[in-house]
């Protein structure tokens, strides 16, 4: 997976090949997708930089592509410096789409970071199965998103 920050390319792969797409008008944000090769099949989508309405469709499209072929979908916000309500709305929708498919949905948001503060203020940390680090998604320390109802988006 690569992110060419000068061109705004957003690249991802599923471990079996890569794909890339351009996000017009964006210089540095990236949406990176990687999957594990062990059970549970885990897809991690990492957001870097600032995200808004212009990158929300890319996040949602890439996540939905993987919902059918993973057991766990993780959106990692560790390197996201900013995101707006369109990203929050996308996260809530993804959580709702994952549940009926039996896919565990989790969000990584480091304590004290912008993403953590936003999701906390909105009361979504528990609803989105938020954890502070990526390894916590594998240890079962997070609340399963399926255990809590998501608010209407």
Foldseek 3Di string as FASTA:
>chain_A
DDADLQQQKEKEDAVPDIDIDHQPPHRGWYWYWYWDPDPQIEIETEIAEEEEPSCLVVNLVVLVVCLQPGQEYEYEDDHYQYYDVSNVLSLLVSLVVNQVSNHFFEYADAPPGPVVVVCVVVVCCLLRQYDPDPVCVVVVPTHGNNVDDGDDD
